[in-house]
PDB file of N, CA and C in Angstrom:
ATOM      1  N   MET A   1      35.856  -9.079 -30.455  1.00  0.00           N
ATOM      2  CA  MET A   1      34.989  -8.045 -29.898  1.00  0.00           C
ATOM      3  C   MET A   1      35.212  -7.994 -28.381  1.00  0.00           C
ATOM      4  N   GLU A   2      35.469  -6.817 -27.902  1.00  0.00           N
ATOM      5  CA  GLU A   2      35.778  -6.637 -26.490  1.00  0.00           C
ATOM      6  C   GLU A   2      34.558  -6.073 -25.752  1.00  0.00           C
ATOM      7  N   ILE A   3      34.367  -6.532 -24.530  1.00  0.00           N
ATOM      8  CA  ILE A   3      33.252  -6.051 -23.717  1.00  0.00           C
ATOM      9  C   ILE A   3      33.658  -4.721 -23.079  1.00  0.00           C
ATOM     10  N   ASN A   4      32.815  -3.730 -23.225  1.00  0.00           N
ATOM     11  CA  ASN A   4      33.092  -2.418 -22.657  1.00  0.00           C
ATOM     12  C   ASN A   4      32.444  -2.339 -21.272  1.00  0.00           C
ATOM     13  N   TRP A   5      33.239  -2.648 -20.247  1.00  0.00           N
ATOM     14  CA  TRP A   5      32.717  -2.729 -18.875  1.00  0.00           C
ATOM     15  C   TRP A   5      32.313  -1.368 -18.328  1.00  0.00           C
ATOM     16  N   ILE A   6      32.923  -0.324 -18.796  1.00  0.00           N
ATOM     17  CA  ILE A   6      32.576   1.015 -18.318  1.00  0.00           C
ATOM     18  C   ILE A   6      31.144   1.366 -18.737  1.00  0.00           C
ATOM     19  N   VAL A   7      30.788   1.081 -19.973  1.00  0.00           N
ATOM     20  CA  VAL A   7      29.434   1.370 -20.454  1.00  0.00           C
ATOM     21  C   VAL A   7      28.420   0.502 -19.720  1.00  0.00           C
ATOM     22  N   ILE A   8      28.732  -0.765 -19.528  1.00  0.00           N
ATOM     23  CA  ILE A   8      27.826  -1.663 -18.799  1.00  0.00           C
ATOM     24  C   ILE A   8      27.648  -1.181 -17.362  1.00  0.00           C
ATOM     25  N   GLY A   9      28.719  -0.721 -16.723  1.00  0.00           N
ATOM     26  CA  GLY A   9      28.633  -0.204 -15.351  1.00  0.00           C
ATOM     27  C   GLY A   9      27.781   1.047 -15.267  1.00  0.00           C
ATOM     28  N   ILE A  10      27.937   1.948 -16.221  1.00  0.00           N
ATOM     29  CA  ILE A  10      27.134   3.180 -16.227  1.00  0.00           C
ATOM     30  C   ILE A  10      25.657   2.858 -16.428  1.00  0.00           C
ATOM     31  N   VAL A  11      25.365   1.974 -17.362  1.00  0.00           N
ATOM     32  CA  VAL A  11      23.965   1.586 -17.609  1.00  0.00           C
ATOM     33  C   VAL A  11      23.374   0.920 -16.372  1.00  0.00           C
ATOM     34  N   ALA A  12      24.126   0.042 -15.724  1.00  0.00           N
ATOM     35  CA  ALA A  12      23.638  -0.627 -14.512  1.00  0.00           C
ATOM     36  C   ALA A  12      23.380   0.396 -13.402  1.00  0.00           C
ATOM     37  N   ALA A  13      24.263   1.377 -13.245  1.00  0.00           N
ATOM     38  CA  ALA A  13      24.077   2.410 -12.219  1.00  0.00           C
ATOM     39  C   ALA A  13      22.834   3.244 -12.500  1.00  0.00           C
ATOM     40  N   VAL A  14      22.616   3.591 -13.759  1.00  0.00           N
ATOM     41  CA  VAL A  14      21.426   4.371 -14.121  1.00  0.00           C
ATOM     42  C   VAL A  14      20.157   3.569 -13.846  1.00  0.00           C
ATOM     43  N   VAL A  15      20.179   2.285 -14.165  1.00  0.00           N
ATOM     44  CA  VAL A  15      19.013   1.436 -13.912  1.00  0.00           C
ATOM     45  C   VAL A  15      18.717   1.363 -12.414  1.00  0.00           C
ATOM     46  N   ILE A  16      19.752   1.234 -11.598  1.00  0.00           N
ATOM     47  CA  ILE A  16      19.559   1.171 -10.146  1.00  0.00           C
ATOM     48  C   ILE A  16      18.994   2.492  -9.623  1.00  0.00           C
ATOM     49  N   VAL A  17      19.500   3.610 -10.114  1.00  0.00           N
ATOM     50  CA  VAL A  17      18.994   4.925  -9.688  1.00  0.00           C
ATOM     51  C   VAL A  17      17.519   5.074 -10.067  1.00  0.00           C
ATOM     52  N   VAL A  18      17.147   4.657 -11.251  1.00  0.00           N
ATOM     53  CA  VAL A  18      15.748   4.756 -11.686  1.00  0.00           C
ATOM     54  C   VAL A  18      14.852   3.878 -10.818  1.00  0.00           C
ATOM     55  N   ILE A  19      15.295   2.686 -10.476  1.00  0.00           N
ATOM     56  CA  ILE A  19      14.503   1.788  -9.627  1.00  0.00           C
ATOM     57  C   ILE A  19      14.319   2.395  -8.241  1.00  0.00           C
ATOM     58  N   VAL A  20      15.388   2.927  -7.654  1.00  0.00           N
ATOM     59  CA  VAL A  20      15.301   3.539  -6.322  1.00  0.00           C
ATOM     60  C   VAL A  20      14.373   4.753  -6.356  1.00  0.00           C
ATOM     61  N   PHE A  21      14.485   5.580  -7.373  1.00  0.00           N
ATOM     62  CA  PHE A  21      13.623   6.752  -7.511  1.00  0.00           C
ATOM     63  C   PHE A  21      12.151   6.334  -7.613  1.00  0.00           C
ATOM     64  N   THR A  22      11.874   5.316  -8.396  1.00  0.00           N
ATOM     65  CA  THR A  22      10.494   4.837  -8.562  1.00  0.00           C
ATOM     66  C   THR A  22       9.943   4.288  -7.252  1.00  0.00           C
ATOM     67  N   ILE A  23      10.735   3.549  -6.523  1.00  0.00           N
ATOM     68  CA  ILE A  23      10.279   2.980  -5.244  1.00  0.00           C
ATOM     69  C   ILE A  23       9.988   4.089  -4.240  1.00  0.00           C
ATOM     70  N   ARG A  24      10.859   5.074  -4.146  1.00  0.00           N
ATOM     71  CA  ARG A  24      10.631   6.187  -3.200  1.00  0.00           C
ATOM     72  C   ARG A  24       9.376   6.968  -3.556  1.00  0.00           C
ATOM     73  N   LYS A  25       9.181   7.248  -4.836  1.00  0.00           N
ATOM     74  CA  LYS A  25       7.993   7.988  -5.263  1.00  0.00           C
ATOM     75  C   LYS A  25       6.737   7.178  -4.970  1.00  0.00           C
ATOM     76  N   ASN A  26       6.789   5.891  -5.206  1.00  0.00           N
ATOM     77  CA  ASN A  26       5.651   5.029  -4.938  1.00  0.00           C
ATOM     78  C   ASN A  26       5.310   5.007  -3.449  1.00  0.00           C
ATOM     79  N   GLN A  27       6.322   4.990  -2.584  1.00  0.00           N
ATOM     80  CA  GLN A  27       6.077   4.981  -1.144  1.00  0.00           C
ATOM     81  C   GLN A  27       5.416   6.294  -0.690  1.00  0.00           C
ATOM     82  N   LYS A  28       5.849   7.425  -1.266  1.00  0.00           N
ATOM     83  CA  LYS A  28       5.244   8.711  -0.921  1.00  0.00           C
ATOM     84  C   LYS A  28       3.783   8.748  -1.352  1.00  0.00           C
ATOM     85  N   GLU A  29       3.511   8.275  -2.570  1.00  0.00           N
ATOM     86  CA  GLU A  29       2.135   8.258  -3.069  1.00  0.00           C
ATOM     87  C   GLU A  29       1.276   7.309  -2.252  1.00  0.00           C
ATOM     88  N   LYS A  30       1.841   6.197  -1.839  1.00  0.00           N
ATOM     89  CA  LYS A  30       1.103   5.234  -1.018  1.00  0.00           C
ATOM     90  C   LYS A  30       0.734   5.860   0.321  1.00  0.00           C
ATOM     91  N   LYS A  31       1.654   6.597   0.925  1.00  0.00           N
ATOM     92  CA  LYS A  31       1.383   7.255   2.202  1.00  0.00           C
ATOM     93  C   LYS A  31       0.291   8.312   2.048  1.00  0.00           C
ATOM     94  N   LYS A  32       0.361   9.107   0.963  1.00  0.00           N
ATOM     95  CA  LYS A  32      -0.663  10.120   0.725  1.00  0.00           C
ATOM     96  C   LYS A  32      -2.032   9.474   0.549  1.00  0.00           C
ATOM     97  N   LEU A  33      -2.084   8.398  -0.224  1.00  0.00           N
ATOM     98  CA  LEU A  33      -3.350   7.727  -0.465  1.00  0.00           C
ATOM     99  C   LEU A  33      -3.896   7.107   0.813  1.00  0.00           C
ATOM    100  N   THR A  34      -3.023   6.514   1.618  1.00  0.00           N
ATOM    101  CA  THR A  34      -3.456   5.919   2.883  1.00  0.00           C
ATOM    102  C   THR A  34      -4.018   6.989   3.811  1.00  0.00           C
ATOM    103  N   ASP A  35      -3.341   8.125   3.917  1.00  0.00           N
ATOM    104  CA  ASP A  35      -3.835   9.214   4.756  1.00  0.00           C
ATOM    105  C   ASP A  35      -5.172   9.734   4.243  1.00  0.00           C
ATOM    106  N   LEU A  36      -5.300   9.875   2.940  1.00  0.00           N
ATOM    107  CA  LEU A  36      -6.549  10.358   2.359  1.00  0.00           C
ATOM    108  C   LEU A  36      -7.695   9.401   2.650  1.00  0.00           C
ATOM    109  N   LEU A  37      -7.462   8.118   2.457  1.00  0.00           N
ATOM    110  CA  LEU A  37      -8.529   7.142   2.673  1.00  0.00           C
ATOM    111  C   LEU A  37      -8.877   6.985   4.145  1.00  0.00           C
ATOM    112  N   ASN A  38      -7.908   7.174   5.027  1.00  0.00           N
ATOM    113  CA  ASN A  38      -8.180   7.043   6.456  1.00  0.00           C
ATOM    114  C   ASN A  38      -8.885   8.273   7.030  1.00  0.00           C
ATOM    115  N   ASN A  39      -8.671   9.435   6.445  1.00  0.00           N
ATOM    116  CA  ASN A  39      -9.194  10.670   7.035  1.00  0.00           C
ATOM    117  C   ASN A  39     -10.332  11.307   6.253  1.00  0.00           C
ATOM    118  N   ASP A  40     -10.587  10.866   5.057  1.00  0.00           N
ATOM    119  CA  ASP A  40     -11.588  11.506   4.214  1.00  0.00           C
ATOM    120  C   ASP A  40     -12.847  10.648   4.125  1.00  0.00           C
ATOM    121  N   PHE A  41     -13.635  10.686   5.171  1.00  0.00           N
ATOM    122  CA  PHE A  41     -14.887   9.950   5.146  1.00  0.00           C
ATOM    123  C   PHE A  41     -15.938  10.749   5.907  1.00  0.00           C
ATOM    124  N   LYS A  42     -17.166  10.523   5.561  1.00  0.00           N
ATOM    125  CA  LYS A  42     -18.254  11.183   6.260  1.00  0.00           C
ATOM    126  C   LYS A  42     -18.938  10.161   7.139  1.00  0.00           C
ATOM    127  N   LYS A  43     -19.275  10.592   8.334  1.00  0.00           N
ATOM    128  CA  LYS A  43     -19.943   9.700   9.259  1.00  0.00           C
ATOM    129  C   LYS A  43     -21.344   9.419   8.746  1.00  0.00           C
ATOM    130  N   ALA A  44     -21.667   8.163   8.675  1.00  0.00           N
ATOM    131  CA  ALA A  44     -22.971   7.762   8.161  1.00  0.00           C
ATOM    132  C   ALA A  44     -24.054   8.101   9.188  1.00  0.00           C
ATOM    133  N   GLU A  45     -25.136   8.656   8.693  1.00  0.00           N
ATOM    134  CA  GLU A  45     -26.246   8.956   9.582  1.00  0.00           C
ATOM    135  C   GLU A  45     -27.019   7.688   9.854  1.00  0.00           C
ATOM    136  N   LYS A  46     -27.424   7.534  11.091  1.00  0.00           N
ATOM    137  CA  LYS A  46     -28.170   6.335  11.454  1.00  0.00           C
ATOM    138  C   LYS A  46     -29.628   6.500  11.044  1.00  0.00           C
ATOM    139  N   LYS A  47     -30.123   5.539  10.341  1.00  0.00           N
ATOM    140  CA  LYS A  47     -31.531   5.532   9.950  1.00  0.00           C
ATOM    141  C   LYS A  47     -32.377   4.910  11.052  1.00  0.00           C
ATOM    142  N   ARG A  48     -31.765   3.956  11.740  1.00  0.00           N
ATOM    143  CA  ARG A  48     -32.482   3.232  12.784  1.00  0.00           C
ATOM    144  C   ARG A  48     -31.970   3.721  14.133  1.00  0.00           C
ATOM    145  N   VAL A  49     -32.843   3.978  15.065  1.00  0.00           N
ATOM    146  CA  VAL A  49     -32.458   4.452  16.384  1.00  0.00           C
ATOM    147  C   VAL A  49     -32.318   3.248  17.302  1.00  0.00           C
ATOM    148  N   ASP A  50     -31.124   3.106  17.879  1.00  0.00           N
ATOM    149  CA  ASP A  50     -30.898   2.021  18.836  1.00  0.00           C
ATOM    150  C   ASP A  50     -31.338   2.478  20.213  1.00  0.00           C
ATOM    151  N   SER A  51     -32.031   1.623  20.907  1.00  0.00           N
ATOM    152  CA  SER A  51     -32.504   1.981  22.242  1.00  0.00           C
ATOM    153  C   SER A  51     -31.334   2.173  23.198  1.00  0.00           C
ATOM    154  N   GLU A  52     -30.264   1.427  23.002  1.00  0.00           N
ATOM    155  CA  GLU A  52     -29.106   1.557  23.887  1.00  0.00           C
ATOM    156  C   GLU A  52     -28.399   2.892  23.673  1.00  0.00           C
ATOM    157  N   ASP A  53     -28.339   3.351  22.408  1.00  0.00           N
ATOM    158  CA  ASP A  53     -27.681   4.626  22.123  1.00  0.00           C
ATOM    159  C   ASP A  53     -28.500   5.822  22.595  1.00  0.00           C
ATOM    160  N   SER A  54     -29.802   5.764  22.394  1.00  0.00           N
ATOM    161  CA  SER A  54     -30.632   6.912  22.726  1.00  0.00           C
ATOM    162  C   SER A  54     -30.996   6.975  24.204  1.00  0.00           C
ATOM    163  N   ALA A  55     -30.790   5.902  24.931  1.00  0.00           N
ATOM    164  CA  ALA A  55     -31.147   5.877  26.364  1.00  0.00           C
ATOM    165  C   ALA A  55     -30.242   6.804  27.160  1.00  0.00           C
ATOM    166  N   ASN A  56     -29.004   6.943  26.754  1.00  0.00           N
ATOM    167  CA  ASN A  56     -28.053   7.759  27.506  1.00  0.00           C
ATOM    168  C   ASN A  56     -28.032   9.211  27.043  1.00  0.00           C
ATOM    169  N   GLU A  57     -28.655   9.526  25.935  1.00  0.00           N
ATOM    170  CA  GLU A  57     -28.664  10.896  25.421  1.00  0.00           C
ATOM    171  C   GLU A  57     -29.819  11.678  26.043  1.00  0.00           C
ATOM    172  N   GLN A  58     -29.524  12.906  26.408  1.00  0.00           N
ATOM    173  CA  GLN A  58     -30.589  13.739  26.965  1.00  0.00           C
ATOM    174  C   GLN A  58     -30.434  15.165  26.511  1.00  0.00           C
TER     175      GLN A  58
END
């Protein structure tokens, strides 16, 4: 039985392409999620009034 190196090479190349594609897609999704989490928040309203904060407001 002879080893078919051409088929093994093609399969290895396809596996490498799939891994690279998955890593790139994951990095894009990670960047989108990071931007969303960093920019999508509402400022919490203060329930307690600090004397230092309100002293300078007029």
